[in-house]
N, C-alpha and C. Protein backbone atom coordinates (compact mmCIF):
# COMPACT_ATOMS: atom_id res chain seq x y z
N UNK A 1 -33.38 -12.93 -0.95
CA UNK A 1 -31.84 -13.82 -0.53
C UNK A 1 -31.66 -13.69 0.91
N UNK A 2 -30.87 -14.67 1.27
CA UNK A 2 -30.66 -14.93 2.77
C UNK A 2 -29.36 -14.47 3.16
N UNK A 3 -29.12 -14.11 4.39
CA UNK A 3 -27.88 -13.49 4.83
C UNK A 3 -26.60 -14.15 4.38
N UNK A 4 -26.73 -15.42 4.27
CA UNK A 4 -25.42 -16.26 3.80
C UNK A 4 -25.10 -16.01 2.49
N UNK A 5 -25.93 -15.50 1.80
CA UNK A 5 -25.59 -14.91 0.20
C UNK A 5 -24.71 -13.84 0.40
N UNK A 6 -25.16 -12.97 1.42
CA UNK A 6 -24.22 -11.80 1.56
C UNK A 6 -22.96 -12.02 2.15
N UNK A 7 -22.64 -13.07 3.04
CA UNK A 7 -21.57 -13.65 3.41
C UNK A 7 -20.65 -14.26 2.29
N UNK A 8 -21.44 -15.00 1.30
CA UNK A 8 -20.83 -15.60 0.28
C UNK A 8 -20.15 -14.43 -0.72
N UNK A 9 -20.92 -13.34 -0.80
CA UNK A 9 -20.31 -12.15 -1.66
C UNK A 9 -19.25 -11.49 -1.04
N UNK A 10 -19.17 -11.56 0.21
CA UNK A 10 -18.14 -10.93 0.87
C UNK A 10 -16.81 -11.77 1.00
N UNK A 11 -17.18 -13.02 0.99
CA UNK A 11 -16.04 -13.96 0.98
C UNK A 11 -15.31 -13.98 -0.31
N UNK A 12 -16.25 -13.96 -1.50
CA UNK A 12 -15.68 -13.82 -2.90
C UNK A 12 -14.95 -12.51 -3.09
N UNK A 13 -15.36 -11.42 -2.54
CA UNK A 13 -14.67 -10.22 -2.57
C UNK A 13 -13.27 -10.45 -2.08
N UNK A 14 -13.08 -10.86 -0.86
CA UNK A 14 -11.81 -11.01 -0.25
C UNK A 14 -10.91 -12.03 -1.08
N UNK A 15 -11.46 -13.07 -1.70
CA UNK A 15 -10.71 -13.71 -2.63
C UNK A 15 -10.30 -13.00 -3.87
N UNK A 16 -11.09 -12.11 -4.33
CA UNK A 16 -10.70 -11.36 -5.42
C UNK A 16 -9.54 -10.34 -5.21
N UNK A 17 -9.57 -9.81 -3.81
CA UNK A 17 -8.43 -9.00 -3.36
C UNK A 17 -7.24 -9.89 -3.44
N UNK A 18 -7.21 -10.94 -2.93
CA UNK A 18 -6.15 -11.82 -2.86
C UNK A 18 -5.64 -12.15 -4.32
N UNK A 19 -6.50 -12.41 -5.25
CA UNK A 19 -6.17 -12.70 -6.51
C UNK A 19 -5.40 -11.28 -7.17
N UNK A 20 -5.83 -10.22 -6.73
CA UNK A 20 -5.25 -8.85 -7.20
C UNK A 20 -3.86 -8.73 -6.54
N UNK A 21 -3.50 -9.09 -5.44
CA UNK A 21 -2.26 -9.01 -5.01
C UNK A 21 -1.34 -9.94 -5.47
N UNK A 22 -1.75 -11.19 -5.71
CA UNK A 22 -1.05 -12.13 -6.47
C UNK A 22 -0.73 -11.68 -8.04
N UNK A 23 -1.59 -11.01 -8.66
CA UNK A 23 -1.25 -10.39 -9.99
C UNK A 23 -0.42 -9.28 -10.01
N UNK A 24 -0.33 -8.54 -8.90
CA UNK A 24 0.63 -7.57 -8.79
C UNK A 24 2.10 -8.11 -8.60
N UNK A 25 2.26 -9.24 -7.82
CA UNK A 25 3.35 -10.08 -7.76
C UNK A 25 3.84 -10.49 -9.06
N UNK A 26 2.92 -11.18 -9.71
CA UNK A 26 3.41 -11.54 -11.16
C UNK A 26 3.95 -10.50 -11.90
N UNK A 27 3.06 -9.37 -11.91
CA UNK A 27 3.53 -8.06 -12.68
C UNK A 27 4.89 -7.75 -12.17
N UNK A 28 5.21 -7.48 -11.07
CA UNK A 28 6.71 -7.27 -10.51
C UNK A 28 7.66 -8.18 -10.99
N UNK A 29 7.42 -9.47 -10.75
CA UNK A 29 8.46 -10.52 -11.17
C UNK A 29 8.63 -10.41 -12.65
N UNK A 30 7.64 -10.27 -13.53
CA UNK A 30 7.69 -10.28 -14.81
C UNK A 30 8.67 -8.88 -15.15
N UNK A 31 8.31 -7.97 -14.59
CA UNK A 31 9.06 -6.52 -15.03
C UNK A 31 10.57 -6.68 -14.60
N UNK A 32 10.78 -7.27 -13.54
CA UNK A 32 12.31 -7.57 -12.89
C UNK A 32 12.94 -8.43 -14.01
N UNK A 33 12.36 -9.54 -14.55
CA UNK A 33 12.74 -10.38 -15.65
C UNK A 33 12.97 -9.59 -16.88
N UNK A 34 12.04 -8.73 -17.20
CA UNK A 34 12.21 -7.83 -18.40
C UNK A 34 13.53 -6.90 -18.33
N UNK A 35 13.60 -6.39 -17.14
CA UNK A 35 14.82 -5.53 -17.05
C UNK A 35 16.18 -6.32 -17.05
N UNK A 36 16.17 -7.55 -16.77
CA UNK A 36 17.28 -8.33 -16.78
C UNK A 36 17.68 -8.61 -18.23
N UNK A 37 16.81 -8.28 -19.18
CA UNK A 37 16.90 -8.63 -20.65
C UNK A 37 17.84 -7.45 -21.18
N UNK A 38 17.78 -6.27 -20.54
CA UNK A 38 18.50 -5.08 -21.32
C UNK A 38 19.91 -5.27 -21.26
N UNK A 39 20.64 -4.47 -22.13
CA UNK A 39 20.11 -3.19 -22.77
C UNK A 39 19.13 -3.58 -23.99
N UNK A 40 19.17 -4.78 -24.46
CA UNK A 40 18.43 -5.09 -25.63
C UNK A 40 17.33 -5.88 -25.15
N UNK A 41 16.31 -5.18 -24.66
CA UNK A 41 14.97 -5.50 -23.87
C UNK A 41 14.28 -6.75 -24.76
N UNK A 42 13.65 -7.69 -24.09
CA UNK A 42 12.77 -8.45 -24.81
C UNK A 42 11.40 -7.97 -24.66
N UNK A 43 11.02 -6.95 -25.47
CA UNK A 43 9.91 -6.16 -25.36
C UNK A 43 8.60 -7.06 -25.73
N UNK A 44 8.65 -7.83 -26.66
CA UNK A 44 7.60 -8.73 -27.08
C UNK A 44 6.97 -9.55 -25.95
N UNK A 45 7.80 -10.17 -25.26
CA UNK A 45 7.66 -10.89 -24.09
C UNK A 45 6.90 -10.17 -23.01
N UNK A 46 7.60 -9.13 -22.80
CA UNK A 46 6.99 -8.05 -21.57
C UNK A 46 5.68 -7.58 -21.96
N UNK A 47 5.43 -7.26 -23.49
CA UNK A 47 4.15 -6.62 -23.89
C UNK A 47 3.05 -7.91 -23.61
N UNK A 48 3.39 -9.19 -23.84
CA UNK A 48 2.50 -10.06 -23.74
C UNK A 48 2.02 -10.23 -22.26
N UNK A 49 3.05 -10.23 -21.12
CA UNK A 49 2.81 -10.24 -19.87
C UNK A 49 1.89 -9.11 -19.44
N UNK A 50 2.16 -7.93 -19.91
CA UNK A 50 1.43 -6.66 -19.54
C UNK A 50 -0.14 -6.90 -20.10
N UNK A 51 -0.29 -7.57 -21.25
CA UNK A 51 -1.60 -7.78 -21.81
C UNK A 51 -2.25 -8.74 -20.81
N UNK A 52 -1.64 -9.85 -20.45
CA UNK A 52 -2.35 -10.93 -19.54
C UNK A 52 -2.62 -10.28 -18.16
N UNK A 53 -1.72 -9.53 -17.63
CA UNK A 53 -1.96 -8.79 -16.33
C UNK A 53 -3.15 -7.88 -16.67
N UNK A 54 -3.29 -6.97 -17.63
CA UNK A 54 -4.35 -6.17 -17.80
C UNK A 54 -5.65 -6.85 -17.85
N UNK A 55 -5.63 -7.99 -18.60
CA UNK A 55 -6.88 -8.87 -18.66
C UNK A 55 -7.20 -9.39 -17.27
N UNK A 56 -6.28 -9.76 -16.45
CA UNK A 56 -6.45 -10.31 -15.12
C UNK A 56 -7.03 -9.24 -14.26
N UNK A 57 -6.53 -8.09 -14.24
CA UNK A 57 -7.15 -6.85 -13.49
C UNK A 57 -8.57 -6.47 -13.87
N UNK A 58 -8.70 -6.49 -15.26
CA UNK A 58 -10.04 -6.20 -15.70
C UNK A 58 -11.06 -7.14 -15.16
N UNK A 59 -10.63 -8.46 -15.26
CA UNK A 59 -11.66 -9.36 -14.91
C UNK A 59 -11.94 -9.41 -13.38
N UNK A 60 -10.98 -9.01 -12.75
CA UNK A 60 -11.22 -8.93 -11.20
C UNK A 60 -12.06 -7.72 -10.89
N UNK A 61 -11.58 -6.52 -11.47
CA UNK A 61 -12.36 -5.32 -11.48
C UNK A 61 -13.95 -5.49 -11.70
N UNK A 62 -14.19 -6.29 -12.94
CA UNK A 62 -15.57 -6.49 -13.43
C UNK A 62 -16.28 -7.09 -12.23
N UNK A 63 -15.66 -8.26 -11.72
CA UNK A 63 -16.53 -8.99 -10.80
C UNK A 63 -16.52 -8.22 -9.37
N UNK A 64 -15.59 -7.48 -9.05
CA UNK A 64 -15.64 -6.68 -7.81
C UNK A 64 -16.73 -5.67 -8.08
N UNK A 65 -16.90 -4.89 -9.17
CA UNK A 65 -18.15 -4.15 -9.45
C UNK A 65 -19.46 -4.70 -9.45
N UNK A 66 -19.49 -5.97 -9.83
CA UNK A 66 -20.88 -6.74 -9.64
C UNK A 66 -21.12 -7.00 -8.37
N UNK A 67 -20.14 -7.34 -7.45
CA UNK A 67 -20.23 -7.58 -5.98
C UNK A 67 -20.97 -6.17 -5.40
N UNK A 68 -20.12 -5.30 -5.89
CA UNK A 68 -20.50 -3.86 -5.35
C UNK A 68 -21.95 -3.56 -5.57
N UNK A 69 -22.41 -3.74 -6.87
CA UNK A 69 -23.70 -3.62 -7.18
C UNK A 69 -24.91 -4.47 -6.51
N UNK A 70 -24.49 -5.83 -6.27
CA UNK A 70 -25.39 -6.77 -5.55
C UNK A 70 -25.53 -6.25 -4.10
N UNK A 71 -24.24 -5.89 -3.47
CA UNK A 71 -24.44 -5.51 -2.17
C UNK A 71 -25.50 -4.32 -1.89
N UNK A 72 -25.29 -3.35 -2.88
CA UNK A 72 -25.99 -2.19 -2.74
C UNK A 72 -27.55 -2.51 -3.08
N UNK A 73 -27.56 -3.22 -4.20
CA UNK A 73 -29.24 -3.51 -4.73
C UNK A 73 -29.96 -4.57 -3.94
N UNK A 74 -29.21 -5.60 -3.83
CA UNK A 74 -29.88 -6.83 -3.01
C UNK A 74 -29.91 -6.82 -1.51
N UNK A 75 -28.75 -6.19 -0.95
CA UNK A 75 -28.80 -6.17 0.50
C UNK A 75 -28.84 -4.82 1.24
N UNK A 76 -28.94 -3.80 0.36
CA UNK A 76 -29.18 -2.45 1.00
C UNK A 76 -27.99 -2.13 1.69
N UNK A 77 -26.83 -2.32 1.13
CA UNK A 77 -25.56 -2.04 1.88
C UNK A 77 -24.80 -1.13 1.20
N UNK A 78 -25.32 0.08 1.10
CA UNK A 78 -24.69 1.19 0.58
C UNK A 78 -23.26 1.45 1.07
N UNK A 79 -23.13 1.17 2.47
CA UNK A 79 -21.91 1.45 3.13
C UNK A 79 -20.84 0.54 2.53
N UNK A 80 -20.98 -0.73 2.30
CA UNK A 80 -20.13 -1.71 1.81
C UNK A 80 -19.85 -1.23 0.36
N UNK A 81 -21.00 -0.96 -0.31
CA UNK A 81 -20.66 -0.42 -1.81
C UNK A 81 -19.84 0.80 -1.86
N UNK A 82 -20.01 1.81 -0.91
CA UNK A 82 -19.08 2.85 -0.82
C UNK A 82 -17.51 2.52 -0.70
N UNK A 83 -17.42 1.45 0.28
CA UNK A 83 -15.96 1.19 0.65
C UNK A 83 -15.47 0.52 -0.72
N UNK A 84 -16.26 -0.34 -1.42
CA UNK A 84 -15.70 -0.85 -2.76
C UNK A 84 -15.39 0.09 -3.89
N UNK A 85 -16.27 1.19 -3.83
CA UNK A 85 -15.85 2.25 -4.66
C UNK A 85 -14.69 2.99 -4.42
N UNK A 86 -14.45 3.17 -3.34
CA UNK A 86 -13.33 3.90 -2.89
C UNK A 86 -11.82 2.97 -3.17
N UNK A 87 -12.17 1.71 -2.81
CA UNK A 87 -11.07 0.74 -3.03
C UNK A 87 -10.68 0.71 -4.64
N UNK A 88 -11.80 0.58 -5.32
CA UNK A 88 -11.54 0.41 -6.85
C UNK A 88 -10.73 1.68 -7.20
N UNK A 89 -11.14 2.80 -6.66
CA UNK A 89 -10.45 4.21 -7.35
C UNK A 89 -8.95 3.93 -6.78
N UNK A 90 -8.69 3.61 -5.51
CA UNK A 90 -7.30 3.53 -4.98
C UNK A 90 -6.54 2.30 -5.93
N UNK A 91 -7.12 1.35 -6.04
CA UNK A 91 -6.52 0.11 -6.84
C UNK A 91 -6.11 0.73 -8.38
N UNK A 92 -6.91 1.67 -8.81
CA UNK A 92 -6.73 2.18 -10.23
C UNK A 92 -5.45 2.99 -9.99
N UNK A 93 -5.47 3.83 -8.99
CA UNK A 93 -4.34 4.70 -8.77
C UNK A 93 -3.03 3.85 -8.60
N UNK A 94 -3.06 2.70 -7.73
CA UNK A 94 -2.05 1.83 -7.44
C UNK A 94 -1.44 1.35 -8.69
N UNK A 95 -2.30 0.96 -9.59
CA UNK A 95 -1.86 0.39 -11.01
C UNK A 95 -1.11 1.50 -11.83
N UNK A 96 -1.61 2.56 -11.77
CA UNK A 96 -0.93 3.77 -12.52
C UNK A 96 0.43 4.02 -11.78
N UNK A 97 0.48 4.07 -10.61
CA UNK A 97 1.77 4.34 -9.91
C UNK A 97 2.65 3.20 -10.24
N UNK A 98 2.29 1.96 -10.28
CA UNK A 98 3.07 0.84 -10.38
C UNK A 98 3.63 0.79 -11.82
N UNK A 99 3.02 1.31 -12.93
CA UNK A 99 3.35 1.29 -14.23
C UNK A 99 4.48 2.53 -14.24
N UNK A 100 4.14 3.53 -13.65
CA UNK A 100 5.15 4.79 -13.55
C UNK A 100 6.41 4.27 -12.89
N UNK A 101 6.42 3.50 -11.98
CA UNK A 101 7.62 2.91 -11.04
C UNK A 101 8.30 2.23 -11.91
N UNK A 102 7.60 1.29 -12.90
CA UNK A 102 8.39 0.48 -13.64
C UNK A 102 9.13 1.16 -14.90
N UNK A 103 8.47 2.21 -15.35
CA UNK A 103 9.15 3.05 -16.45
C UNK A 103 10.44 3.73 -15.79
N UNK A 104 10.15 4.32 -14.62
CA UNK A 104 11.27 4.98 -13.99
C UNK A 104 12.46 3.90 -13.66
N UNK A 105 12.08 2.82 -13.32
CA UNK A 105 13.24 1.87 -13.07
C UNK A 105 13.95 1.42 -14.32
N UNK A 106 13.27 1.29 -15.47
CA UNK A 106 13.97 1.19 -16.71
C UNK A 106 14.71 2.42 -17.10
N UNK A 107 14.23 3.50 -16.88
CA UNK A 107 15.07 4.65 -17.26
C UNK A 107 16.20 4.80 -16.52
N UNK A 108 16.28 4.53 -15.01
CA UNK A 108 17.42 4.50 -14.24
C UNK A 108 18.31 3.60 -14.82
N UNK A 109 18.01 2.41 -15.14
CA UNK A 109 18.85 1.45 -15.56
C UNK A 109 19.35 1.76 -16.89
N UNK A 110 18.73 2.51 -17.84
CA UNK A 110 19.21 2.87 -19.16
C UNK A 110 20.24 4.28 -19.03
N UNK A 111 19.83 4.95 -17.93
CA UNK A 111 20.67 6.10 -17.86
C UNK A 111 21.24 6.22 -16.36
N UNK A 112 22.11 5.47 -16.04
CA UNK A 112 22.69 5.39 -14.78
C UNK A 112 23.30 6.65 -14.18
N UNK A 113 23.51 7.32 -15.07
CA UNK A 113 24.40 8.79 -14.73
C UNK A 113 23.25 9.73 -14.33
N UNK A 114 22.03 9.53 -14.55
CA UNK A 114 20.92 10.54 -14.21
C UNK A 114 20.40 10.40 -12.83
N UNK A 115 20.88 11.31 -11.91
CA UNK A 115 20.59 11.09 -10.46
C UNK A 115 19.03 11.42 -10.30
N UNK A 116 18.38 12.11 -11.18
CA UNK A 116 17.01 12.25 -11.03
C UNK A 116 16.08 11.14 -11.19
N UNK A 117 16.50 10.17 -11.82
CA UNK A 117 15.99 8.82 -12.00
C UNK A 117 15.62 8.14 -10.51
N UNK A 118 16.75 8.15 -9.83
CA UNK A 118 16.67 7.71 -8.42
C UNK A 118 15.69 8.40 -7.60
N UNK A 119 15.71 9.61 -7.79
CA UNK A 119 14.91 10.52 -6.84
C UNK A 119 13.28 10.12 -7.22
N UNK A 120 13.17 10.08 -8.53
CA UNK A 120 11.77 9.79 -9.02
C UNK A 120 11.22 8.29 -8.53
N UNK A 121 12.15 7.40 -8.51
CA UNK A 121 11.83 6.08 -8.05
C UNK A 121 11.37 6.21 -6.55
N UNK A 122 12.21 6.87 -5.81
CA UNK A 122 11.97 7.02 -4.30
C UNK A 122 10.57 7.60 -4.12
N UNK A 123 10.27 8.69 -4.96
CA UNK A 123 8.97 9.62 -4.79
C UNK A 123 7.90 8.52 -5.15
N UNK A 124 7.95 7.77 -6.28
CA UNK A 124 6.88 6.80 -6.64
C UNK A 124 6.73 5.70 -5.61
N UNK A 125 7.85 5.20 -4.98
CA UNK A 125 7.71 4.16 -3.86
C UNK A 125 6.85 4.73 -2.56
N UNK A 126 7.30 6.05 -2.42
CA UNK A 126 6.78 6.50 -1.32
C UNK A 126 5.16 6.73 -1.66
N UNK A 127 4.85 7.26 -2.81
CA UNK A 127 3.34 7.36 -3.21
C UNK A 127 2.70 5.88 -3.22
N UNK A 128 3.42 4.87 -3.47
CA UNK A 128 2.75 3.53 -3.44
C UNK A 128 2.43 2.91 -2.05
N UNK A 129 3.46 3.34 -1.09
CA UNK A 129 3.41 3.01 0.33
C UNK A 129 2.01 3.78 0.70
N UNK A 130 2.00 5.05 0.58
CA UNK A 130 0.86 5.85 0.98
C UNK A 130 -0.63 5.19 0.49
N UNK A 131 -0.47 4.92 -0.87
CA UNK A 131 -1.64 4.35 -1.44
C UNK A 131 -2.14 2.94 -0.80
N UNK A 132 -1.18 2.11 -0.50
CA UNK A 132 -1.25 0.96 0.21
C UNK A 132 -1.93 1.17 1.57
N UNK A 133 -1.48 2.08 2.23
CA UNK A 133 -1.83 2.46 3.54
C UNK A 133 -3.44 2.80 3.54
N UNK A 134 -3.75 3.54 2.41
CA UNK A 134 -5.12 4.03 2.19
C UNK A 134 -5.92 2.72 1.81
N UNK A 135 -5.38 1.79 1.15
CA UNK A 135 -6.14 0.64 0.75
C UNK A 135 -6.40 -0.27 1.93
N UNK A 136 -5.28 -0.31 2.86
CA UNK A 136 -5.48 -1.16 4.06
C UNK A 136 -6.65 -0.61 5.04
N UNK A 137 -6.76 0.75 5.00
CA UNK A 137 -7.77 1.54 5.82
C UNK A 137 -9.14 1.08 5.23
N UNK A 138 -9.20 1.12 3.98
CA UNK A 138 -10.51 0.82 3.40
C UNK A 138 -10.98 -0.45 3.61
N UNK A 139 -9.95 -1.37 3.54
CA UNK A 139 -10.23 -2.86 3.86
C UNK A 139 -10.72 -2.99 5.25
N UNK A 140 -10.07 -2.26 6.08
CA UNK A 140 -10.34 -2.39 7.64
C UNK A 140 -11.86 -1.86 7.71
N UNK A 141 -12.26 -0.73 7.24
CA UNK A 141 -13.57 -0.19 7.22
C UNK A 141 -14.51 -1.28 6.69
N UNK A 142 -14.18 -1.85 5.57
CA UNK A 142 -15.10 -2.86 4.93
C UNK A 142 -15.38 -4.07 5.84
N UNK A 143 -14.15 -4.54 6.52
CA UNK A 143 -14.05 -5.68 7.28
C UNK A 143 -15.06 -5.37 8.58
N UNK A 144 -14.76 -4.20 9.24
CA UNK A 144 -15.75 -3.94 10.29
C UNK A 144 -17.10 -3.80 9.99
N UNK A 145 -17.43 -3.03 8.76
CA UNK A 145 -18.84 -2.96 8.43
C UNK A 145 -19.45 -4.22 7.99
N UNK A 146 -18.72 -5.11 7.32
CA UNK A 146 -19.25 -6.40 6.80
C UNK A 146 -19.63 -7.40 7.93
N UNK A 147 -19.05 -7.01 9.13
CA UNK A 147 -19.32 -8.27 10.05
C UNK A 147 -20.81 -8.20 10.42
N UNK A 148 -21.52 -7.28 10.06
CA UNK A 148 -23.02 -7.16 10.39
C UNK A 148 -23.79 -8.19 9.33
N UNK A 149 -23.19 -8.72 8.48
CA UNK A 149 -23.74 -9.77 7.64
C UNK A 149 -23.72 -11.09 8.28
N UNK A 150 -23.07 -11.40 9.40
CA UNK A 150 -22.96 -12.72 10.00
C UNK A 150 -24.26 -12.96 10.55
């Protein structure tokens, strides 16, 4: 394979990361719409959204893992492969934190008298910020190391 194939893989990887960000935006918008249906929540509609979001994330992750394997196997780029491994782990954590935050927001809406709910929301938002910072660092490292494919 020629180096341009490596560049194509990296370009596709960046595209997939953009898709992941868009999917998170849809997930957030869908959850906000779901909360507006309270107190008699439209759970069926939200459940369908969660299913679609899960499928989208699963498809993205599958393709990212294929890119990771190709970079390692076909281009001997263990460094880039490691960055993707770390990224996937942080993305999984981000999704778990996002789901916890959504549950906390619903709980806060359902129990406005419970001050602990707002504290939990702030804690989760802080954890998500730290997670996003870690993701950003990994992406910076990936960008720096991937420039050698040019």
